[in-house]
Amino acid sequence: MLLNKKDNYSEEQKQIALFAKAFAHPARVSILQHLFKINACVCGDLVDEIGLAQSTISQHLKELRQLGLIKGTVEGTSVCYCIDKENWSKMKNTMLSFLNQDIQISDECC
C-alpha cells in the first residue's frame, strides 16, 4: 500500500505550512497589508495599488481565499475582498504558538 508522504505530519504541521504559504510571495503580503490598511472590502483598486496585472492579482487572491485568510462577496460583476477576521485570528494563534517555541541550545551545540 502506498502512503502519502504528507501522512507523516500532524494536522498542525500541515496547517502551519499552509499558512506560511500565504507569506511566501511578496504580492500576497502586499495584498494583505492593503486590506488591513483600508480596513474594508476592496473591489477593484488592488491592481492600481499593487501594480501587478489583473490576472496575477486574481491568482494571489484565489490563493489567499483558499487559505481562508480573506473572503469575497459578489457585488454586481465584481468580487469585493476583505480579511476573514476569524480565520486570521486562528492563523495568528497557530503561527505564534509555533514561532514562540523556546530553543534550549547548549554552548557545545554545532
N, C-alpha and C. Protein backbone atom coordinates (compact mmCIF):
# COMPACT_ATOMS: atom_id res chain seq x y z
N MET A 1 0.83 -1.17 0.00
CA MET A 1 0.00 0.00 0.00
C MET A 1 0.88 1.25 0.00
N LEU A 2 0.58 2.18 -0.87
CA LEU A 2 1.33 3.42 -0.95
C LEU A 2 0.82 4.42 0.08
N LEU A 3 1.74 5.08 0.74
CA LEU A 3 1.38 6.10 1.71
C LEU A 3 1.75 7.47 1.16
N ASN A 4 0.90 8.42 1.40
CA ASN A 4 1.20 9.79 1.04
C ASN A 4 2.22 10.31 2.04
N LYS A 5 3.28 10.95 1.58
CA LYS A 5 4.31 11.46 2.48
C LYS A 5 3.75 12.48 3.46
N LYS A 6 2.68 13.15 3.07
CA LYS A 6 2.07 14.13 3.98
C LYS A 6 1.42 13.45 5.18
N ASP A 7 1.20 12.14 5.11
CA ASP A 7 0.63 11.42 6.24
C ASP A 7 1.61 11.34 7.41
N ASN A 8 2.88 11.63 7.15
CA ASN A 8 3.90 11.60 8.19
C ASN A 8 3.82 12.81 9.12
N TYR A 9 3.01 13.81 8.77
CA TYR A 9 2.96 15.06 9.51
C TYR A 9 1.62 15.25 10.20
N SER A 10 1.66 15.94 11.32
CA SER A 10 0.43 16.21 12.06
C SER A 10 -0.41 17.25 11.32
N GLU A 11 -1.67 17.33 11.70
CA GLU A 11 -2.55 18.34 11.10
C GLU A 11 -2.03 19.74 11.39
N GLU A 12 -1.49 19.94 12.59
CA GLU A 12 -0.95 21.25 12.94
C GLU A 12 0.24 21.60 12.05
N GLN A 13 1.12 20.64 11.80
CA GLN A 13 2.27 20.88 10.94
C GLN A 13 1.83 21.22 9.52
N LYS A 14 0.83 20.52 9.03
CA LYS A 14 0.32 20.82 7.69
C LYS A 14 -0.33 22.20 7.65
N GLN A 15 -1.04 22.55 8.72
CA GLN A 15 -1.69 23.85 8.77
C GLN A 15 -0.67 24.99 8.81
N ILE A 16 0.38 24.83 9.59
CA ILE A 16 1.45 25.83 9.65
C ILE A 16 2.08 26.02 8.28
N ALA A 17 2.33 24.93 7.58
CA ALA A 17 2.92 25.01 6.24
C ALA A 17 2.00 25.75 5.27
N LEU A 18 0.70 25.49 5.38
CA LEU A 18 -0.26 26.19 4.51
C LEU A 18 -0.30 27.68 4.82
N PHE A 19 -0.33 28.02 6.11
CA PHE A 19 -0.34 29.43 6.48
C PHE A 19 0.93 30.13 6.01
N ALA A 20 2.06 29.44 6.15
CA ALA A 20 3.33 30.02 5.72
C ALA A 20 3.31 30.32 4.22
N LYS A 21 2.56 29.53 3.48
CA LYS A 21 2.45 29.73 2.03
C LYS A 21 1.85 31.10 1.71
N ALA A 22 1.00 31.59 2.59
CA ALA A 22 0.39 32.91 2.36
C ALA A 22 1.45 34.00 2.32
N PHE A 23 2.52 33.82 3.08
CA PHE A 23 3.56 34.83 3.17
C PHE A 23 4.75 34.53 2.26
N ALA A 24 4.61 33.52 1.43
CA ALA A 24 5.72 33.07 0.58
C ALA A 24 5.89 33.93 -0.67
N HIS A 25 5.00 34.87 -0.90
CA HIS A 25 5.12 35.74 -2.07
C HIS A 25 4.84 37.18 -1.65
N PRO A 26 5.71 38.11 -2.02
CA PRO A 26 5.52 39.49 -1.60
C PRO A 26 4.21 40.12 -2.09
N ALA A 27 3.67 39.65 -3.19
CA ALA A 27 2.39 40.20 -3.67
C ALA A 27 1.27 39.85 -2.70
N ARG A 28 1.28 38.64 -2.15
CA ARG A 28 0.25 38.26 -1.19
C ARG A 28 0.40 39.05 0.10
N VAL A 29 1.63 39.27 0.52
CA VAL A 29 1.88 40.10 1.71
C VAL A 29 1.36 41.51 1.46
N SER A 30 1.63 42.05 0.29
CA SER A 30 1.18 43.39 -0.07
C SER A 30 -0.34 43.48 -0.10
N ILE A 31 -0.99 42.47 -0.64
CA ILE A 31 -2.46 42.44 -0.68
C ILE A 31 -3.02 42.44 0.74
N LEU A 32 -2.48 41.59 1.59
CA LEU A 32 -2.95 41.52 2.97
C LEU A 32 -2.72 42.85 3.70
N GLN A 33 -1.55 43.45 3.51
CA GLN A 33 -1.28 44.74 4.14
C GLN A 33 -2.26 45.80 3.67
N HIS A 34 -2.57 45.80 2.39
CA HIS A 34 -3.52 46.79 1.86
C HIS A 34 -4.90 46.57 2.45
N LEU A 35 -5.34 45.34 2.53
CA LEU A 35 -6.66 45.05 3.10
C LEU A 35 -6.73 45.47 4.57
N PHE A 36 -5.64 45.28 5.31
CA PHE A 36 -5.63 45.73 6.70
C PHE A 36 -5.61 47.26 6.78
N LYS A 37 -4.86 47.89 5.89
CA LYS A 37 -4.74 49.35 5.91
C LYS A 37 -6.07 50.03 5.66
N ILE A 38 -6.83 49.54 4.69
CA ILE A 38 -8.10 50.20 4.37
C ILE A 38 -9.22 49.75 5.30
N ASN A 39 -9.02 48.62 5.99
CA ASN A 39 -9.99 48.10 6.96
C ASN A 39 -11.41 48.03 6.37
N ALA A 40 -11.49 47.61 5.13
CA ALA A 40 -12.78 47.48 4.45
C ALA A 40 -12.60 46.52 3.29
N CYS A 41 -13.71 46.21 2.65
CA CYS A 41 -13.64 45.38 1.46
C CYS A 41 -13.17 46.22 0.28
N VAL A 42 -12.43 45.59 -0.60
CA VAL A 42 -11.92 46.28 -1.79
C VAL A 42 -12.34 45.48 -3.02
N CYS A 43 -12.80 46.20 -4.00
CA CYS A 43 -13.29 45.52 -5.21
C CYS A 43 -12.30 45.60 -6.36
N GLY A 44 -11.90 46.79 -6.76
CA GLY A 44 -11.14 46.87 -7.99
C GLY A 44 -9.82 47.59 -7.94
N ASP A 45 -9.49 48.25 -6.84
CA ASP A 45 -8.29 49.08 -6.85
C ASP A 45 -7.02 48.33 -6.48
N LEU A 46 -7.08 47.03 -6.31
CA LEU A 46 -5.87 46.27 -5.98
C LEU A 46 -4.85 46.31 -7.11
N VAL A 47 -5.33 46.30 -8.34
CA VAL A 47 -4.41 46.35 -9.48
C VAL A 47 -3.61 47.65 -9.44
N ASP A 48 -4.30 48.76 -9.20
CA ASP A 48 -3.61 50.05 -9.13
C ASP A 48 -2.72 50.13 -7.90
N GLU A 49 -3.19 49.60 -6.79
CA GLU A 49 -2.45 49.68 -5.53
C GLU A 49 -1.20 48.80 -5.55
N ILE A 50 -1.31 47.57 -6.04
CA ILE A 50 -0.21 46.62 -6.01
C ILE A 50 0.70 46.76 -7.22
N GLY A 51 0.13 47.16 -8.35
CA GLY A 51 0.93 47.38 -9.55
C GLY A 51 1.23 46.14 -10.35
N LEU A 52 0.39 45.13 -10.22
CA LEU A 52 0.54 43.90 -11.00
C LEU A 52 -0.66 43.74 -11.92
N ALA A 53 -0.53 42.85 -12.88
CA ALA A 53 -1.63 42.59 -13.82
C ALA A 53 -2.83 42.01 -13.08
N GLN A 54 -4.02 42.27 -13.61
CA GLN A 54 -5.26 41.77 -13.02
C GLN A 54 -5.22 40.26 -12.85
N SER A 55 -4.71 39.56 -13.84
CA SER A 55 -4.67 38.09 -13.76
C SER A 55 -3.76 37.62 -12.63
N THR A 56 -2.65 38.32 -12.42
CA THR A 56 -1.73 37.98 -11.34
C THR A 56 -2.37 38.24 -9.98
N ILE A 57 -3.01 39.39 -9.84
CA ILE A 57 -3.72 39.72 -8.61
C ILE A 57 -4.78 38.68 -8.32
N SER A 58 -5.53 38.29 -9.36
CA SER A 58 -6.58 37.29 -9.20
C SER A 58 -6.04 35.96 -8.70
N GLN A 59 -4.87 35.56 -9.22
CA GLN A 59 -4.26 34.30 -8.77
C GLN A 59 -3.90 34.37 -7.29
N HIS A 60 -3.35 35.50 -6.87
CA HIS A 60 -2.96 35.64 -5.47
C HIS A 60 -4.19 35.73 -4.56
N LEU A 61 -5.23 36.42 -5.02
CA LEU A 61 -6.47 36.49 -4.25
C LEU A 61 -7.09 35.10 -4.09
N LYS A 62 -7.03 34.32 -5.15
CA LYS A 62 -7.56 32.95 -5.10
C LYS A 62 -6.80 32.13 -4.06
N GLU A 63 -5.49 32.26 -4.06
CA GLU A 63 -4.66 31.53 -3.10
C GLU A 63 -4.99 31.94 -1.66
N LEU A 64 -5.11 33.25 -1.42
CA LEU A 64 -5.43 33.74 -0.08
C LEU A 64 -6.83 33.31 0.35
N ARG A 65 -7.75 33.28 -0.61
CA ARG A 65 -9.12 32.84 -0.31
C ARG A 65 -9.13 31.34 0.03
N GLN A 66 -8.39 30.54 -0.72
CA GLN A 66 -8.33 29.09 -0.45
C GLN A 66 -7.69 28.81 0.91
N LEU A 67 -6.75 29.65 1.31
CA LEU A 67 -6.13 29.51 2.62
C LEU A 67 -7.05 29.99 3.74
N GLY A 68 -8.12 30.69 3.36
CA GLY A 68 -9.11 31.15 4.33
C GLY A 68 -8.77 32.48 4.98
N LEU A 69 -7.71 33.14 4.52
CA LEU A 69 -7.31 34.39 5.16
C LEU A 69 -8.12 35.59 4.69
N ILE A 70 -8.71 35.49 3.51
CA ILE A 70 -9.60 36.54 3.02
C ILE A 70 -10.91 35.91 2.60
N LYS A 71 -11.92 36.74 2.49
CA LYS A 71 -13.19 36.26 1.97
C LYS A 71 -13.67 37.27 0.95
N GLY A 72 -14.51 36.78 0.05
CA GLY A 72 -15.01 37.64 -1.01
C GLY A 72 -16.51 37.57 -1.13
N THR A 73 -17.10 38.70 -1.45
CA THR A 73 -18.54 38.76 -1.69
C THR A 73 -18.77 39.35 -3.07
N VAL A 74 -19.74 38.79 -3.77
CA VAL A 74 -20.05 39.25 -5.11
C VAL A 74 -20.91 40.50 -5.01
N GLU A 75 -20.47 41.54 -5.71
CA GLU A 75 -21.23 42.78 -5.79
C GLU A 75 -21.32 43.16 -7.27
N GLY A 76 -22.45 42.87 -7.85
CA GLY A 76 -22.61 43.13 -9.28
C GLY A 76 -21.73 42.21 -10.09
N THR A 77 -20.86 42.80 -10.89
CA THR A 77 -19.96 42.00 -11.72
C THR A 77 -18.58 41.82 -11.10
N SER A 78 -18.39 42.31 -9.89
CA SER A 78 -17.08 42.19 -9.27
C SER A 78 -17.19 41.48 -7.93
N VAL A 79 -16.03 41.07 -7.42
CA VAL A 79 -15.96 40.44 -6.11
C VAL A 79 -15.17 41.38 -5.20
N CYS A 80 -15.72 41.65 -4.03
CA CYS A 80 -15.06 42.51 -3.06
C CYS A 80 -14.40 41.63 -1.99
N TYR A 81 -13.16 41.95 -1.66
CA TYR A 81 -12.39 41.12 -0.73
C TYR A 81 -12.09 41.87 0.55
N CYS A 82 -12.05 41.11 1.65
CA CYS A 82 -11.62 41.65 2.93
C CYS A 82 -11.01 40.51 3.74
N ILE A 83 -10.33 40.89 4.83
CA ILE A 83 -9.72 39.91 5.72
C ILE A 83 -10.82 39.11 6.40
N ASP A 84 -10.65 37.79 6.47
CA ASP A 84 -11.54 36.94 7.24
C ASP A 84 -11.00 36.96 8.67
N LYS A 85 -11.58 37.80 9.51
CA LYS A 85 -11.04 38.05 10.85
C LYS A 85 -10.97 36.80 11.71
N GLU A 86 -11.96 35.94 11.61
CA GLU A 86 -11.96 34.71 12.41
C GLU A 86 -10.80 33.80 12.01
N ASN A 87 -10.64 33.57 10.70
CA ASN A 87 -9.56 32.70 10.24
C ASN A 87 -8.20 33.36 10.44
N TRP A 88 -8.13 34.68 10.32
CA TRP A 88 -6.87 35.38 10.56
C TRP A 88 -6.44 35.17 12.01
N SER A 89 -7.38 35.26 12.93
CA SER A 89 -7.09 35.06 14.34
C SER A 89 -6.61 33.64 14.60
N LYS A 90 -7.25 32.65 13.98
CA LYS A 90 -6.82 31.26 14.12
C LYS A 90 -5.40 31.07 13.59
N MET A 91 -5.14 31.66 12.41
CA MET A 91 -3.81 31.55 11.82
C MET A 91 -2.77 32.18 12.73
N LYS A 92 -3.08 33.36 13.24
CA LYS A 92 -2.15 34.07 14.10
C LYS A 92 -1.83 33.26 15.36
N ASN A 93 -2.83 32.68 15.98
CA ASN A 93 -2.60 31.86 17.18
C ASN A 93 -1.76 30.63 16.87
N THR A 94 -2.05 29.98 15.75
CA THR A 94 -1.28 28.79 15.34
C THR A 94 0.18 29.16 15.08
N MET A 95 0.38 30.24 14.33
CA MET A 95 1.75 30.64 13.97
C MET A 95 2.51 31.15 15.19
N LEU A 96 1.84 31.90 16.07
CA LEU A 96 2.51 32.40 17.28
C LEU A 96 2.94 31.25 18.18
N SER A 97 2.09 30.25 18.30
CA SER A 97 2.44 29.08 19.10
C SER A 97 3.69 28.41 18.54
N PHE A 98 3.74 28.29 17.24
CA PHE A 98 4.90 27.69 16.58
C PHE A 98 6.15 28.57 16.72
N LEU A 99 6.00 29.87 16.47
CA LEU A 99 7.15 30.77 16.48
C LEU A 99 7.65 31.10 17.87
N ASN A 100 6.81 30.94 18.88
CA ASN A 100 7.21 31.26 20.25
C ASN A 100 7.84 30.08 20.99
N GLN A 101 8.15 29.03 20.28
CA GLN A 101 8.82 27.89 20.92
C GLN A 101 10.22 28.32 21.35
N ASP A 102 10.58 27.96 22.56
CA ASP A 102 11.92 28.27 23.03
C ASP A 102 12.86 27.14 22.66
N ILE A 103 14.04 27.52 22.24
CA ILE A 103 15.04 26.51 21.88
C ILE A 103 16.11 26.53 22.95
N GLN A 104 16.35 25.38 23.51
CA GLN A 104 17.39 25.23 24.52
C GLN A 104 18.63 24.65 23.84
N ILE A 105 19.59 25.49 23.60
CA ILE A 105 20.82 25.05 22.93
C ILE A 105 21.98 25.27 23.87
N SER A 106 22.73 24.21 24.06
CA SER A 106 23.91 24.36 24.90
C SER A 106 25.03 25.01 24.10
N ASP A 107 26.03 25.50 24.80
CA ASP A 107 27.16 26.14 24.13
C ASP A 107 27.93 25.16 23.26
N GLU A 108 27.79 23.87 23.56
CA GLU A 108 28.52 22.86 22.82
C GLU A 108 27.82 22.44 21.53
N CYS A 109 26.69 23.00 21.27
CA CYS A 109 25.94 22.65 20.06
C CYS A 109 26.67 23.17 18.84
N CYS A 110 26.38 22.57 17.69
CA CYS A 110 27.02 22.97 16.45
C CYS A 110 26.87 24.45 16.24
